Amino acid sequence: MTTELNKLQLDYEKEKANNVELSKKAADINVEANVATTEFNTTNASNTVKDAKTTIKRLKEAKSINKKLAKSQKTLRKMEKKIAKVKAKIDDCNKRIKFVNN
C-alpha cells in the first residue's frame, strides 16, 4: 500500500505542476482574449473582419485552455481523494497490527 501511496503522490505532483503551467497559460490567454474583444473599429470593414477572425481564434484558444485547466483541477481533486483513502487504509492497518515480543 505504501508503494501505491508513493506512486499516487508522484502522479499528483506531476499533475500539480501541469496545473500550474496551465493556470499561467490560461491567465495570459484570458487577458489577451478580453483585450481583443474591445479592439474593434468600424471605420475600415476589411480590418474589422480580420480583427473579428483573430478575436474568434483567441477566444477559441482561451476556451480550450480553460477546459484543459478545469479537467486538470478535477483530476487533482480525484487524486487527493484517492491519496486520502490510501492513507486511511494504511492508518487502519497500522492500528490493527499487534506487536508481540518473544
C-alpha atoms as a PDB file:
ATOM      1  CA  MET A   1       0.000   0.000   0.000  1.00  0.00           C
ATOM      2  CA  THR A   2       2.894   2.316   0.685  1.00  0.00           C
ATOM      3  CA  THR A   3       4.172   1.916  -2.864  1.00  0.00           C
ATOM      4  CA  GLU A   4       0.682   2.690  -4.151  1.00  0.00           C
ATOM      5  CA  LEU A   5       0.627   5.815  -1.994  1.00  0.00           C
ATOM      6  CA  ASN A   6       4.064   6.889  -3.238  1.00  0.00           C
ATOM      7  CA  LYS A   7       3.009   6.386  -6.861  1.00  0.00           C
ATOM      8  CA  LEU A   8      -0.188   8.372  -6.301  1.00  0.00           C
ATOM      9  CA  GLN A   9       1.731  11.194  -4.649  1.00  0.00           C
ATOM     10  CA  LEU A  10       4.251  11.265  -7.502  1.00  0.00           C
ATOM     11  CA  ASP A  11       1.453  11.373 -10.093  1.00  0.00           C
ATOM     12  CA  TYR A  12      -0.254  14.073  -8.029  1.00  0.00           C
ATOM     13  CA  GLU A  13       2.866  16.251  -8.040  1.00  0.00           C
ATOM     14  CA  LYS A  14       3.227  15.848 -11.816  1.00  0.00           C
ATOM     15  CA  GLU A  15      -0.399  16.823 -12.362  1.00  0.00           C
ATOM     16  CA  LYS A  16       0.000  19.735  -9.951  1.00  0.00           C
ATOM     17  CA  ALA A  17       2.967  21.051 -11.964  1.00  0.00           C
ATOM     18  CA  ASN A  18       0.924  20.669 -15.153  1.00  0.00           C
ATOM     19  CA  ASN A  19      -1.948  22.515 -13.475  1.00  0.00           C
ATOM     20  CA  VAL A  20       0.290  25.445 -12.502  1.00  0.00           C
ATOM     21  CA  GLU A  21       1.553  25.723 -16.074  1.00  0.00           C
ATOM     22  CA  LEU A  22      -1.998  25.596 -17.457  1.00  0.00           C
ATOM     23  CA  SER A  23      -3.079  28.260 -14.959  1.00  0.00           C
ATOM     24  CA  LYS A  24      -0.361  30.609 -16.189  1.00  0.00           C
ATOM     25  CA  LYS A  25      -1.283  29.988 -19.829  1.00  0.00           C
ATOM     26  CA  ALA A  26      -4.977  30.448 -19.095  1.00  0.00           C
ATOM     27  CA  ALA A  27      -4.370  33.727 -17.291  1.00  0.00           C
ATOM     28  CA  ASP A  28      -2.299  35.097 -20.183  1.00  0.00           C
ATOM     29  CA  ILE A  29      -4.726  33.942 -22.861  1.00  0.00           C
ATOM     30  CA  ASN A  30      -7.760  35.206 -20.948  1.00  0.00           C
ATOM     31  CA  VAL A  31      -6.181  38.665 -20.722  1.00  0.00           C
ATOM     32  CA  GLU A  32      -5.443  38.612 -24.459  1.00  0.00           C
ATOM     33  CA  ALA A  33      -8.982  37.469 -25.248  1.00  0.00           C
ATOM     34  CA  ASN A  34     -10.508  40.189 -23.073  1.00  0.00           C
ATOM     35  CA  VAL A  35      -8.397  42.872 -24.742  1.00  0.00           C
ATOM     36  CA  ALA A  36      -9.128  41.500 -28.218  1.00  0.00           C
ATOM     37  CA  THR A  37     -12.886  41.850 -27.800  1.00  0.00           C
ATOM     38  CA  THR A  38     -12.606  45.600 -27.192  1.00  0.00           C
ATOM     39  CA  GLU A  39     -10.369  46.426 -30.166  1.00  0.00           C
ATOM     40  CA  PHE A  40     -12.962  46.583 -32.965  1.00  0.00           C
ATOM     41  CA  ASN A  41     -13.079  49.642 -35.213  1.00  0.00           C
ATOM     42  CA  THR A  42     -15.931  50.248 -37.650  1.00  0.00           C
ATOM     43  CA  THR A  43     -14.122  52.709 -39.925  1.00  0.00           C
ATOM     44  CA  ASN A  44     -12.440  50.005 -42.001  1.00  0.00           C
ATOM     45  CA  ALA A  45     -14.594  46.959 -42.779  1.00  0.00           C
ATOM     46  CA  SER A  46     -11.813  44.657 -44.018  1.00  0.00           C
ATOM     47  CA  ASN A  47      -9.714  45.289 -40.924  1.00  0.00           C
ATOM     48  CA  THR A  48     -12.757  44.705 -38.748  1.00  0.00           C
ATOM     49  CA  VAL A  49     -13.268  41.293 -40.372  1.00  0.00           C
ATOM     50  CA  LYS A  50      -9.609  40.408 -39.802  1.00  0.00           C
ATOM     51  CA  ASP A  51      -9.856  41.587 -36.198  1.00  0.00           C
ATOM     52  CA  ALA A  52     -13.011  39.536 -35.711  1.00  0.00           C
ATOM     53  CA  LYS A  53     -11.325  36.399 -37.068  1.00  0.00           C
ATOM     54  CA  THR A  54      -8.332  36.969 -34.822  1.00  0.00           C
ATOM     55  CA  THR A  55     -10.630  37.505 -31.857  1.00  0.00           C
ATOM     56  CA  ILE A  56     -12.531  34.304 -32.606  1.00  0.00           C
ATOM     57  CA  LYS A  57      -9.232  32.432 -32.765  1.00  0.00           C
ATOM     58  CA  ARG A  58      -8.121  33.862 -29.404  1.00  0.00           C
ATOM     59  CA  LEU A  59     -11.469  33.109 -27.785  1.00  0.00           C
ATOM     60  CA  LYS A  60     -11.392  29.502 -29.013  1.00  0.00           C
ATOM     61  CA  GLU A  61      -7.852  29.156 -27.713  1.00  0.00           C
ATOM     62  CA  ALA A  62      -8.925  30.592 -24.348  1.00  0.00           C
ATOM     63  CA  LYS A  63     -11.879  28.210 -24.217  1.00  0.00           C
ATOM     64  CA  SER A  64      -9.615  25.254 -24.970  1.00  0.00           C
ATOM     65  CA  ILE A  65      -7.050  26.176 -22.314  1.00  0.00           C
ATOM     66  CA  ASN A  66      -9.765  26.847 -19.730  1.00  0.00           C
ATOM     67  CA  LYS A  67     -11.313  23.452 -20.492  1.00  0.00           C
ATOM     68  CA  LYS A  68      -7.924  21.743 -20.026  1.00  0.00           C
ATOM     69  CA  LEU A  69      -7.423  23.648 -16.780  1.00  0.00           C
ATOM     70  CA  ALA A  70     -10.823  22.565 -15.455  1.00  0.00           C
ATOM     71  CA  LYS A  71     -10.057  18.947 -16.366  1.00  0.00           C
ATOM     72  CA  SER A  72      -6.693  19.179 -14.609  1.00  0.00           C
ATOM     73  CA  GLN A  73      -8.308  20.610 -11.472  1.00  0.00           C
ATOM     74  CA  LYS A  74     -10.886  17.804 -11.489  1.00  0.00           C
ATOM     75  CA  THR A  75      -8.086  15.239 -11.817  1.00  0.00           C
ATOM     76  CA  LEU A  76      -6.258  16.814  -8.868  1.00  0.00           C
ATOM     77  CA  ARG A  77      -9.382  16.600  -6.694  1.00  0.00           C
ATOM     78  CA  LYS A  78      -9.861  12.924  -7.594  1.00  0.00           C
ATOM     79  CA  MET A  79      -6.217  12.182  -6.841  1.00  0.00           C
ATOM     80  CA  GLU A  80      -6.476  13.944  -3.472  1.00  0.00           C
ATOM     81  CA  LYS A  81      -9.432  11.720  -2.580  1.00  0.00           C
ATOM     82  CA  LYS A  82      -7.554   8.569  -3.644  1.00  0.00           C
ATOM     83  CA  ILE A  83      -4.498   9.580  -1.621  1.00  0.00           C
ATOM     84  CA  ALA A  84      -6.682  10.220   1.424  1.00  0.00           C
ATOM     85  CA  LYS A  85      -8.310   6.781   1.058  1.00  0.00           C
ATOM     86  CA  VAL A  86      -4.957   5.010   0.771  1.00  0.00           C
ATOM     87  CA  LYS A  87      -3.611   6.904   3.788  1.00  0.00           C
ATOM     88  CA  ALA A  88      -6.717   5.911   5.743  1.00  0.00           C
ATOM     89  CA  LYS A  89      -6.201   2.251   4.781  1.00  0.00           C
ATOM     90  CA  ILE A  90      -2.559   2.402   5.852  1.00  0.00           C
ATOM     91  CA  ASP A  91      -3.517   4.011   9.168  1.00  0.00           C
ATOM     92  CA  ASP A  92      -6.196   1.374   9.688  1.00  0.00           C
ATOM     93  CA  CYS A  93      -3.699  -1.424   9.002  1.00  0.00           C
ATOM     94  CA  ASN A  94      -1.191   0.146  11.393  1.00  0.00           C
ATOM     95  CA  LYS A  95      -3.841   0.229  14.120  1.00  0.00           C
ATOM     96  CA  ARG A  96      -4.613  -3.455  13.631  1.00  0.00           C
ATOM     97  CA  ILE A  97      -1.015  -4.617  13.851  1.00  0.00           C
ATOM     98  CA  LYS A  98      -0.183  -6.026  17.243  1.00  0.00           C
ATOM     99  CA  PHE A  99       3.412  -6.294  18.232  1.00  0.00           C
ATOM    100  CA  VAL A 100       4.304  -9.493  20.059  1.00  0.00           C
ATOM    101  CA  ASN A 101       7.616  -9.801  21.882  1.00  0.00           C
ATOM    102  CA  ASN A 102       9.050 -13.283  22.283  1.00  0.00           C
END
